[in-house]
Amino acid sequence: MTDWLQIHRGDAPLVISFPHTGTELPTNVAARLISPWLARKDADWWIDRLYDFAPGMGATTIRTAMSRTVIDVNRDPSGASLYPGQATTGLCPTTTFDGEPLYRRDGPDEAEIERRRAEYFEPYHAALQAELDRLRGIHDKVVLYEAHSIRSAIPRLFDGLLPNFNIGTNSGASCDAALVTAVEAACDASEFSRVTDGRFKGGWTTRHYGQPAGGVHAIQMELACRGYMDEPPGLLTSAIWPTPYTPERAGPMRETLTRVLQACLDFAKA
């Protein structure tokens, strides 16, 4: 356990990973950035608060407090793109989702990327693997749930307006179809829109750990931010983004997510 790696252990067959809610920037990184706000702009804002009911359901949660600008723990550690031919950000991003440069001059070189990988990426995934192994010692099946969010409209990454719920299963390879059906049903019973394996099919964590034959079923949930927080129209600035988290605004989404996580637990216990 470190200050930036936060783990809450439960005994239910559910692990929730929060790879992009962090906003911390080490001094040696922050000094080279154009703007700390730009470096935090693409965080999965308030997602750890949105799911703060999960420990009460017995779930294990793992979170990094480091900004994804330092290192993105949901990217392929080799640096290979998860979406070849499409715009995305890398293991140590040098631009925002909108293509804005993050660094005053050059971004991290290979030696620095390796240092960040050893300092942050590897401990995060060692902890994640350890929790999955622990729970697999108790349960026949464990669900790994990747909790994410993203702004609803980012033309550089996708066309139009993103659905509220974006379920990723690596095109069905990362989990059993019964889990997908149960999560889809929980989403479809709500007021919110949903797509499965659309623009977001699951990041490296979903693809790497999702081994249904081995008892680990991984699923990613990418939420469009407008489902639980206000999204200002037009150009974003530090004065208007992120908008505050309020329980009243997030309430309907939390109710649906409670049913989603219960569907994951019911699948794992079946």
C-alpha atoms as a PDB file:
ATOM      1  CA  MET A   1       0.000   0.000   0.000  1.00  0.00           C
ATOM      2  CA  THR A   2       1.212   3.481  -0.922  1.00  0.00           C
ATOM      3  CA  ASP A   3      -0.323   6.931  -0.627  1.00  0.00           C
ATOM      4  CA  TRP A   4      -1.312   6.891  -4.303  1.00  0.00           C
ATOM      5  CA  LEU A   5      -2.533   3.263  -4.443  1.00  0.00           C
ATOM      6  CA  GLN A   6      -5.782   2.848  -2.526  1.00  0.00           C
ATOM      7  CA  ILE A   7      -7.299  -0.586  -1.884  1.00  0.00           C
ATOM      8  CA  HIS A   8     -10.462  -1.515  -0.043  1.00  0.00           C
ATOM      9  CA  ARG A   9     -10.833  -5.269   0.421  1.00  0.00           C
ATOM     10  CA  GLY A  10     -14.176  -7.021   0.407  1.00  0.00           C
ATOM     11  CA  ASP A  11     -15.058 -10.694   0.200  1.00  0.00           C
ATOM     12  CA  ALA A  12     -17.730 -10.591  -2.515  1.00  0.00           C
ATOM     13  CA  PRO A  13     -16.762 -11.897  -5.984  1.00  0.00           C
ATOM     14  CA  LEU A  14     -16.447  -8.393  -7.434  1.00  0.00           C
ATOM     15  CA  VAL A  15     -13.390  -6.171  -7.980  1.00  0.00           C
ATOM     16  CA  ILE A  16     -13.890  -2.588  -9.172  1.00  0.00           C
ATOM     17  CA  SER A  17     -10.935  -0.835 -10.761  1.00  0.00           C
ATOM     18  CA  PHE A  18     -10.703   2.974 -10.847  1.00  0.00           C
ATOM     19  CA  PRO A  19      -7.732   3.698 -13.133  1.00  0.00           C
ATOM     20  CA  HIS A  20      -8.566   7.267 -14.178  1.00  0.00           C
ATOM     21  CA  THR A  21     -10.050   9.121 -11.192  1.00  0.00           C
ATOM     22  CA  GLY A  22      -6.663  10.351  -9.951  1.00  0.00           C
ATOM     23  CA  THR A  23      -5.542  13.975 -10.185  1.00  0.00           C
ATOM     24  CA  GLU A  24      -2.141  13.927  -8.449  1.00  0.00           C
ATOM     25  CA  LEU A  25       0.873  15.197 -10.408  1.00  0.00           C
ATOM     26  CA  PRO A  26       4.391  14.618  -9.037  1.00  0.00           C
ATOM     27  CA  THR A  27       6.430  17.806  -8.833  1.00  0.00           C
ATOM     28  CA  ASN A  28       8.953  16.668 -11.441  1.00  0.00           C
ATOM     29  CA  VAL A  29       6.120  16.061 -13.926  1.00  0.00           C
ATOM     30  CA  ALA A  30       3.998  19.102 -13.070  1.00  0.00           C
ATOM     31  CA  ALA A  31       6.904  21.493 -13.630  1.00  0.00           C
ATOM     32  CA  ARG A  32       7.079  20.493 -17.317  1.00  0.00           C
ATOM     33  CA  LEU A  33       3.383  20.704 -18.084  1.00  0.00           C
ATOM     34  CA  ILE A  34       1.676  23.562 -19.876  1.00  0.00           C
ATOM     35  CA  SER A  35      -1.165  23.516 -17.388  1.00  0.00           C
ATOM     36  CA  PRO A  36      -2.145  21.317 -14.435  1.00  0.00           C
ATOM     37  CA  TRP A  37      -5.764  21.796 -15.480  1.00  0.00           C
ATOM     38  CA  LEU A  38      -5.073  20.423 -18.949  1.00  0.00           C
ATOM     39  CA  ALA A  39      -3.298  17.474 -17.347  1.00  0.00           C
ATOM     40  CA  ARG A  40      -6.427  16.727 -15.291  1.00  0.00           C
ATOM     41  CA  LYS A  41      -9.026  17.663 -17.890  1.00  0.00           C
ATOM     42  CA  ASP A  42      -9.638  14.074 -19.041  1.00  0.00           C
ATOM     43  CA  ALA A  43      -9.918  12.489 -15.623  1.00  0.00           C
ATOM     44  CA  ASP A  44     -12.896  10.210 -14.985  1.00  0.00           C
ATOM     45  CA  TRP A  45     -14.438  12.920 -12.851  1.00  0.00           C
ATOM     46  CA  TRP A  46     -16.183  11.877  -9.635  1.00  0.00           C
ATOM     47  CA  ILE A  47     -16.437   8.217 -10.632  1.00  0.00           C
ATOM     48  CA  ASP A  48     -15.045   6.977  -7.307  1.00  0.00           C
ATOM     49  CA  ARG A  49     -17.712   9.074  -5.538  1.00  0.00           C
ATOM     50  CA  LEU A  50     -20.425   7.847  -7.881  1.00  0.00           C
ATOM     51  CA  TYR A  51     -19.637   4.241  -6.907  1.00  0.00           C
ATOM     52  CA  ASP A  52     -18.918   4.881  -3.228  1.00  0.00           C
ATOM     53  CA  PHE A  53     -21.759   2.520  -2.303  1.00  0.00           C
ATOM     54  CA  ALA A  54     -19.846  -0.465  -3.738  1.00  0.00           C
ATOM     55  CA  PRO A  55     -17.870  -1.408  -0.580  1.00  0.00           C
ATOM     56  CA  GLY A  56     -21.195  -1.783   1.201  1.00  0.00           C
ATOM     57  CA  MET A  57     -22.024  -4.517  -1.322  1.00  0.00           C
ATOM     58  CA  GLY A  58     -18.842  -6.372  -0.393  1.00  0.00           C
ATOM     59  CA  ALA A  59     -16.863  -5.269  -3.443  1.00  0.00           C
ATOM     60  CA  THR A  60     -13.092  -4.827  -3.488  1.00  0.00           C
ATOM     61  CA  THR A  61     -11.997  -1.484  -4.962  1.00  0.00           C
ATOM     62  CA  ILE A  62      -8.607  -0.470  -6.332  1.00  0.00           C
ATOM     63  CA  ARG A  63      -7.810   3.133  -7.227  1.00  0.00           C
ATOM     64  CA  THR A  64      -4.764   5.106  -8.279  1.00  0.00           C
ATOM     65  CA  ALA A  65      -4.638   8.718  -7.131  1.00  0.00           C
ATOM     66  CA  MET A  66      -2.147   9.564  -9.898  1.00  0.00           C
ATOM     67  CA  SER A  67      -3.398  11.466 -12.916  1.00  0.00           C
ATOM     68  CA  ARG A  68      -3.582   9.483 -16.136  1.00  0.00           C
ATOM     69  CA  THR A  69      -1.184  12.110 -17.550  1.00  0.00           C
ATOM     70  CA  VAL A  70       1.569  10.596 -15.387  1.00  0.00           C
ATOM     71  CA  ILE A  71       0.815   7.100 -16.663  1.00  0.00           C
ATOM     72  CA  ASP A  72      -2.355   5.487 -17.911  1.00  0.00           C
ATOM     73  CA  VAL A  73      -2.682   2.166 -16.099  1.00  0.00           C
ATOM     74  CA  ASN A  74      -5.379   1.085 -18.571  1.00  0.00           C
ATOM     75  CA  ARG A  75      -3.087   1.124 -21.607  1.00  0.00           C
ATOM     76  CA  ASP A  76      -0.935  -1.639 -23.048  1.00  0.00           C
ATOM     77  CA  PRO A  77       2.393  -1.421 -21.175  1.00  0.00           C
ATOM     78  CA  SER A  78       4.214  -2.068 -24.454  1.00  0.00           C
ATOM     79  CA  GLY A  79       2.810   1.187 -25.815  1.00  0.00           C
ATOM     80  CA  ALA A  80       0.785  -0.564 -28.530  1.00  0.00           C
ATOM     81  CA  SER A  81      -2.485   1.168 -29.438  1.00  0.00           C
ATOM     82  CA  LEU A  82      -5.707  -0.408 -28.220  1.00  0.00           C
ATOM     83  CA  TYR A  83      -7.556   1.104 -31.171  1.00  0.00           C
ATOM     84  CA  PRO A  84      -5.261   1.002 -34.220  1.00  0.00           C
ATOM     85  CA  GLY A  85      -6.131   3.609 -36.796  1.00  0.00           C
ATOM     86  CA  GLN A  86      -8.237   5.667 -34.373  1.00  0.00           C
ATOM     87  CA  ALA A  87      -7.268   8.677 -32.287  1.00  0.00           C
ATOM     88  CA  THR A  88      -6.433   7.775 -28.704  1.00  0.00           C
ATOM     89  CA  THR A  89      -3.942   8.623 -25.959  1.00  0.00           C
ATOM     90  CA  GLY A  90      -0.932   6.538 -25.002  1.00  0.00           C
ATOM     91  CA  LEU A  91       0.688   4.962 -21.976  1.00  0.00           C
ATOM     92  CA  CYS A  92       2.182   8.335 -20.984  1.00  0.00           C
ATOM     93  CA  PRO A  93      -0.054  10.808 -22.823  1.00  0.00           C
ATOM     94  CA  THR A  94       1.391  13.894 -24.470  1.00  0.00           C
ATOM     95  CA  THR A  95      -1.949  15.367 -25.558  1.00  0.00           C
ATOM     96  CA  THR A  96      -5.465  15.674 -24.181  1.00  0.00           C
ATOM     97  CA  PHE A  97      -8.392  13.838 -25.774  1.00  0.00           C
ATOM     98  CA  ASP A  98      -8.954  17.004 -27.805  1.00  0.00           C
ATOM     99  CA  GLY A  99      -5.373  16.939 -29.130  1.00  0.00           C
ATOM    100  CA  GLU A 100      -4.054  19.787 -26.994  1.00  0.00           C
ATOM    101  CA  PRO A 101      -0.342  19.402 -26.069  1.00  0.00           C
ATOM    102  CA  LEU A 102       0.326  18.682 -22.397  1.00  0.00           C
ATOM    103  CA  TYR A 103       4.069  19.446 -22.193  1.00  0.00           C
ATOM    104  CA  ARG A 104       5.913  22.718 -22.702  1.00  0.00           C
ATOM    105  CA  ARG A 105       8.550  20.918 -24.716  1.00  0.00           C
ATOM    106  CA  ASP A 106       9.130  17.225 -25.284  1.00  0.00           C
ATOM    107  CA  GLY A 107       7.156  14.623 -23.398  1.00  0.00           C
ATOM    108  CA  PRO A 108       8.763  11.758 -21.473  1.00  0.00           C
ATOM    109  CA  ASP A 109      11.443   9.751 -23.266  1.00  0.00           C
ATOM    110  CA  GLU A 110      11.671   5.953 -23.164  1.00  0.00           C
ATOM    111  CA  ALA A 111      13.783   5.941 -19.990  1.00  0.00           C
ATOM    112  CA  GLU A 112      11.275   8.111 -18.155  1.00  0.00           C
ATOM    113  CA  ILE A 113       8.335   6.052 -19.408  1.00  0.00           C
ATOM    114  CA  GLU A 114      10.064   2.953 -18.050  1.00  0.00           C
ATOM    115  CA  ARG A 115      10.564   4.634 -14.664  1.00  0.00           C
ATOM    116  CA  ARG A 116       6.905   5.599 -14.480  1.00  0.00           C
ATOM    117  CA  ARG A 117       5.893   2.098 -15.537  1.00  0.00           C
ATOM    118  CA  ALA A 118       7.959   0.587 -12.725  1.00  0.00           C
ATOM    119  CA  GLU A 119       6.811   3.135 -10.122  1.00  0.00           C
ATOM    120  CA  TYR A 120       3.076   3.267 -10.855  1.00  0.00           C
ATOM    121  CA  PHE A 121       1.855   0.844 -13.521  1.00  0.00           C
ATOM    122  CA  GLU A 122       3.425  -2.339 -12.194  1.00  0.00           C
ATOM    123  CA  PRO A 123       2.359  -1.872  -8.525  1.00  0.00           C
ATOM    124  CA  TYR A 124      -1.206  -1.106  -9.612  1.00  0.00           C
ATOM    125  CA  HIS A 125      -1.461  -4.279 -11.628  1.00  0.00           C
ATOM    126  CA  ALA A 126       0.351  -6.368  -9.047  1.00  0.00           C
ATOM    127  CA  ALA A 127      -2.286  -5.260  -6.533  1.00  0.00           C
ATOM    128  CA  LEU A 128      -5.097  -5.948  -8.971  1.00  0.00           C
ATOM    129  CA  GLN A 129      -3.795  -9.437  -9.727  1.00  0.00           C
ATOM    130  CA  ALA A 130      -3.341 -10.158  -6.020  1.00  0.00           C
ATOM    131  CA  GLU A 131      -6.955  -9.215  -5.253  1.00  0.00           C
ATOM    132  CA  LEU A 132      -8.271 -11.325  -8.120  1.00  0.00           C
ATOM    133  CA  ASP A 133      -6.183 -14.276  -6.924  1.00  0.00           C
ATOM    134  CA  ARG A 134      -7.412 -13.796  -3.351  1.00  0.00           C
ATOM    135  CA  LEU A 135     -11.047 -13.796  -4.387  1.00  0.00           C
ATOM    136  CA  ARG A 136     -10.596 -16.685  -6.799  1.00  0.00           C
ATOM    137  CA  GLY A 137      -9.465 -18.638  -3.763  1.00  0.00           C
ATOM    138  CA  ILE A 138     -12.926 -18.041  -2.296  1.00  0.00           C
ATOM    139  CA  HIS A 139     -15.224 -18.024  -5.332  1.00  0.00           C
ATOM    140  CA  ASP A 140     -15.516 -20.061  -8.520  1.00  0.00           C
ATOM    141  CA  LYS A 141     -16.119 -16.882 -10.525  1.00  0.00           C
ATOM    142  CA  VAL A 142     -15.034 -13.283 -10.010  1.00  0.00           C
ATOM    143  CA  VAL A 143     -16.147 -10.203 -11.944  1.00  0.00           C
ATOM    144  CA  LEU A 144     -13.612  -7.463 -12.658  1.00  0.00           C
ATOM    145  CA  TYR A 145     -15.538  -4.256 -13.314  1.00  0.00           C
ATOM    146  CA  GLU A 146     -13.637  -1.381 -14.912  1.00  0.00           C
ATOM    147  CA  ALA A 147     -15.288   1.917 -13.899  1.00  0.00           C
ATOM    148  CA  HIS A 148     -14.813   4.816 -16.307  1.00  0.00           C
ATOM    149  CA  SER A 149     -16.378   7.993 -17.646  1.00  0.00           C
ATOM    150  CA  ILE A 150     -15.755  10.417 -20.486  1.00  0.00           C
ATOM    151  CA  ARG A 151     -17.251  13.620 -21.832  1.00  0.00           C
ATOM    152  CA  SER A 152     -20.277  12.998 -24.026  1.00  0.00           C
ATOM    153  CA  ALA A 153     -18.911  14.712 -27.126  1.00  0.00           C
ATOM    154  CA  ILE A 154     -15.258  14.602 -28.196  1.00  0.00           C
ATOM    155  CA  PRO A 155     -15.132  14.902 -32.009  1.00  0.00           C
ATOM    156  CA  ARG A 156     -11.487  13.812 -32.192  1.00  0.00           C
ATOM    157  CA  LEU A 157     -12.378  10.449 -30.601  1.00  0.00           C
ATOM    158  CA  PHE A 158     -15.890   9.687 -31.811  1.00  0.00           C
ATOM    159  CA  ASP A 159     -18.772  11.088 -33.850  1.00  0.00           C
ATOM    160  CA  GLY A 160     -21.877  12.562 -32.293  1.00  0.00           C
ATOM    161  CA  LEU A 161     -23.089  12.080 -28.746  1.00  0.00           C
ATOM    162  CA  LEU A 162     -21.946   9.044 -26.789  1.00  0.00           C
ATOM    163  CA  PRO A 163     -24.649   6.816 -25.236  1.00  0.00           C
ATOM    164  CA  ASN A 164     -24.952   7.045 -21.446  1.00  0.00           C
ATOM    165  CA  PHE A 165     -23.775   3.471 -20.853  1.00  0.00           C
ATOM    166  CA  ASN A 166     -20.933   2.080 -22.962  1.00  0.00           C
ATOM    167  CA  ILE A 167     -20.315  -1.570 -22.077  1.00  0.00           C
ATOM    168  CA  GLY A 168     -16.999  -3.062 -23.218  1.00  0.00           C
ATOM    169  CA  THR A 169     -16.306  -6.792 -23.408  1.00  0.00           C
ATOM    170  CA  ASN A 170     -13.520  -7.003 -26.006  1.00  0.00           C
ATOM    171  CA  SER A 171     -16.201  -8.106 -28.494  1.00  0.00           C
ATOM    172  CA  GLY A 172     -17.418 -10.800 -26.115  1.00  0.00           C
ATOM    173  CA  ALA A 173     -14.015 -12.318 -25.336  1.00  0.00           C
ATOM    174  CA  SER A 174     -13.497 -10.916 -21.807  1.00  0.00           C
ATOM    175  CA  CYS A 175     -16.568 -12.349 -20.058  1.00  0.00           C
ATOM    176  CA  ASP A 176     -19.438 -14.812 -20.305  1.00  0.00           C
ATOM    177  CA  ALA A 177     -22.422 -13.777 -22.412  1.00  0.00           C
ATOM    178  CA  ALA A 178     -24.709 -14.237 -19.395  1.00  0.00           C
ATOM    179  CA  LEU A 179     -22.899 -11.427 -17.556  1.00  0.00           C
ATOM    180  CA  VAL A 180     -23.255  -9.122 -20.560  1.00  0.00           C
ATOM    181  CA  THR A 181     -26.964  -9.880 -20.822  1.00  0.00           C
ATOM    182  CA  ALA A 182     -27.510  -9.171 -17.115  1.00  0.00           C
ATOM    183  CA  VAL A 183     -25.643  -5.852 -17.205  1.00  0.00           C
ATOM    184  CA  GLU A 184     -27.441  -4.819 -20.392  1.00  0.00           C
ATOM    185  CA  ALA A 185     -30.802  -5.588 -18.783  1.00  0.00           C
ATOM    186  CA  ALA A 186     -29.982  -3.430 -15.758  1.00  0.00           C
ATOM    187  CA  CYS A 187     -29.039  -0.537 -18.050  1.00  0.00           C
ATOM    188  CA  ASP A 188     -32.008  -0.974 -20.378  1.00  0.00           C
ATOM    189  CA  ALA A 189     -34.464  -0.857 -17.471  1.00  0.00           C
ATOM    190  CA  SER A 190     -33.338   2.730 -16.824  1.00  0.00           C
ATOM    191  CA  GLU A 191     -33.997   6.065 -18.536  1.00  0.00           C
ATOM    192  CA  PHE A 192     -30.481   6.039 -19.983  1.00  0.00           C
ATOM    193  CA  SER A 193     -29.198   5.004 -23.423  1.00  0.00           C
ATOM    194  CA  ARG A 194     -26.821   2.050 -23.854  1.00  0.00           C
ATOM    195  CA  VAL A 195     -24.478   0.398 -26.357  1.00  0.00           C
ATOM    196  CA  THR A 196     -22.294  -2.713 -26.044  1.00  0.00           C
ATOM    197  CA  ASP A 197     -18.869  -2.890 -27.709  1.00  0.00           C
ATOM    198  CA  GLY A 198     -19.362   0.363 -29.553  1.00  0.00           C
ATOM    199  CA  ARG A 199     -16.553   2.935 -29.650  1.00  0.00           C
ATOM    200  CA  PHE A 200     -15.187   1.575 -26.351  1.00  0.00           C
ATOM    201  CA  LYS A 201     -14.694  -2.188 -26.289  1.00  0.00           C
ATOM    202  CA  GLY A 202     -12.636  -2.312 -23.106  1.00  0.00           C
ATOM    203  CA  GLY A 203      -9.136  -1.117 -22.325  1.00  0.00           C
ATOM    204  CA  TRP A 204      -6.001  -3.102 -21.594  1.00  0.00           C
ATOM    205  CA  THR A 205      -7.187  -4.179 -18.150  1.00  0.00           C
ATOM    206  CA  THR A 206     -10.420  -5.681 -19.475  1.00  0.00           C
ATOM    207  CA  ARG A 207      -8.613  -7.408 -22.320  1.00  0.00           C
ATOM    208  CA  HIS A 208      -5.715  -8.651 -20.209  1.00  0.00           C
ATOM    209  CA  TYR A 209      -7.552 -10.018 -17.162  1.00  0.00           C
ATOM    210  CA  GLY A 210     -10.769 -11.141 -18.815  1.00  0.00           C
ATOM    211  CA  GLN A 211     -10.238 -14.914 -18.893  1.00  0.00           C
ATOM    212  CA  PRO A 212     -13.678 -16.517 -18.579  1.00  0.00           C
ATOM    213  CA  ALA A 213     -12.277 -20.042 -18.771  1.00  0.00           C
ATOM    214  CA  GLY A 214     -10.111 -19.215 -15.751  1.00  0.00           C
ATOM    215  CA  GLY A 215     -12.986 -17.799 -13.726  1.00  0.00           C
ATOM    216  CA  VAL A 216     -12.269 -14.062 -14.197  1.00  0.00           C
ATOM    217  CA  HIS A 217     -14.939 -12.187 -16.140  1.00  0.00           C
ATOM    218  CA  ALA A 218     -13.935  -8.617 -17.003  1.00  0.00           C
ATOM    219  CA  ILE A 219     -16.316  -5.928 -18.173  1.00  0.00           C
ATOM    220  CA  GLN A 220     -15.776  -2.206 -18.718  1.00  0.00           C
ATOM    221  CA  MET A 221     -18.385   0.476 -18.103  1.00  0.00           C
ATOM    222  CA  GLU A 222     -17.701   3.824 -19.767  1.00  0.00           C
ATOM    223  CA  LEU A 223     -20.258   6.403 -18.669  1.00  0.00           C
ATOM    224  CA  ALA A 224     -21.007   9.562 -20.602  1.00  0.00           C
ATOM    225  CA  CYS A 225     -20.514  12.307 -18.019  1.00  0.00           C
ATOM    226  CA  ARG A 226     -23.863  13.963 -18.697  1.00  0.00           C
ATOM    227  CA  GLY A 227     -25.607  11.034 -17.008  1.00  0.00           C
ATOM    228  CA  TYR A 228     -24.431  12.091 -13.543  1.00  0.00           C
ATOM    229  CA  MET A 229     -22.972  15.619 -13.791  1.00  0.00           C
ATOM    230  CA  ASP A 230     -23.570  18.778 -15.803  1.00  0.00           C
ATOM    231  CA  GLU A 231     -21.570  19.168 -19.018  1.00  0.00           C
ATOM    232  CA  PRO A 232     -21.143  22.760 -20.225  1.00  0.00           C
ATOM    233  CA  PRO A 233     -21.613  23.268 -23.977  1.00  0.00           C
ATOM    234  CA  GLY A 234     -18.826  24.587 -26.162  1.00  0.00           C
ATOM    235  CA  LEU A 235     -15.195  25.216 -25.277  1.00  0.00           C
ATOM    236  CA  LEU A 236     -14.150  24.051 -21.827  1.00  0.00           C
ATOM    237  CA  THR A 237     -12.014  26.174 -19.504  1.00  0.00           C
ATOM    238  CA  SER A 238     -10.707  25.728 -15.990  1.00  0.00           C
ATOM    239  CA  ALA A 239     -13.468  28.062 -14.784  1.00  0.00           C
ATOM    240  CA  ILE A 240     -16.271  25.703 -15.843  1.00  0.00           C
ATOM    241  CA  TRP A 241     -14.774  22.174 -15.896  1.00  0.00           C
ATOM    242  CA  PRO A 242     -15.199  19.960 -14.030  1.00  0.00           C
ATOM    243  CA  THR A 243     -18.619  20.873 -12.736  1.00  0.00           C
ATOM    244  CA  PRO A 244     -19.282  19.891  -9.111  1.00  0.00           C
ATOM    245  CA  TYR A 245     -20.504  16.493  -8.010  1.00  0.00           C
ATOM    246  CA  THR A 246     -23.891  16.669  -6.329  1.00  0.00           C
ATOM    247  CA  PRO A 247     -25.751  13.657  -4.913  1.00  0.00           C
ATOM    248  CA  GLU A 248     -29.066  14.936  -6.279  1.00  0.00           C
ATOM    249  CA  ARG A 249     -27.747  15.163  -9.857  1.00  0.00           C
ATOM    250  CA  ALA A 250     -26.045  11.782  -9.640  1.00  0.00           C
ATOM    251  CA  GLY A 251     -28.909   9.999  -7.900  1.00  0.00           C
ATOM    252  CA  PRO A 252     -30.681   8.361 -10.874  1.00  0.00           C
ATOM    253  CA  MET A 253     -27.381   7.104 -12.298  1.00  0.00           C
ATOM    254  CA  ARG A 254     -26.349   5.692  -8.919  1.00  0.00           C
ATOM    255  CA  GLU A 255     -29.627   3.793  -8.679  1.00  0.00           C
ATOM    256  CA  THR A 256     -29.001   2.151 -12.043  1.00  0.00           C
ATOM    257  CA  LEU A 257     -25.368   1.424 -11.226  1.00  0.00           C
ATOM    258  CA  THR A 258     -26.450  -0.253  -8.007  1.00  0.00           C
ATOM    259  CA  ARG A 259     -28.551  -2.622 -10.118  1.00  0.00           C
ATOM    260  CA  VAL A 260     -25.635  -3.105 -12.515  1.00  0.00           C
ATOM    261  CA  LEU A 261     -23.271  -4.147  -9.722  1.00  0.00           C
ATOM    262  CA  GLN A 262     -25.954  -6.384  -8.209  1.00  0.00           C
ATOM    263  CA  ALA A 263     -26.274  -8.070 -11.614  1.00  0.00           C
ATOM    264  CA  CYS A 264     -22.505  -8.660 -11.571  1.00  0.00           C
ATOM    265  CA  LEU A 265     -22.724 -10.208  -8.096  1.00  0.00           C
ATOM    266  CA  ASP A 266     -25.700 -12.371  -8.999  1.00  0.00           C
ATOM    267  CA  PHE A 267     -23.840 -13.693 -12.040  1.00  0.00           C
ATOM    268  CA  ALA A 268     -20.699 -14.452 -10.053  1.00  0.00           C
ATOM    269  CA  LYS A 269     -22.632 -16.234  -7.282  1.00  0.00           C
ATOM    270  CA  ALA A 270     -24.842 -18.264  -9.627  1.00  0.00           C
END
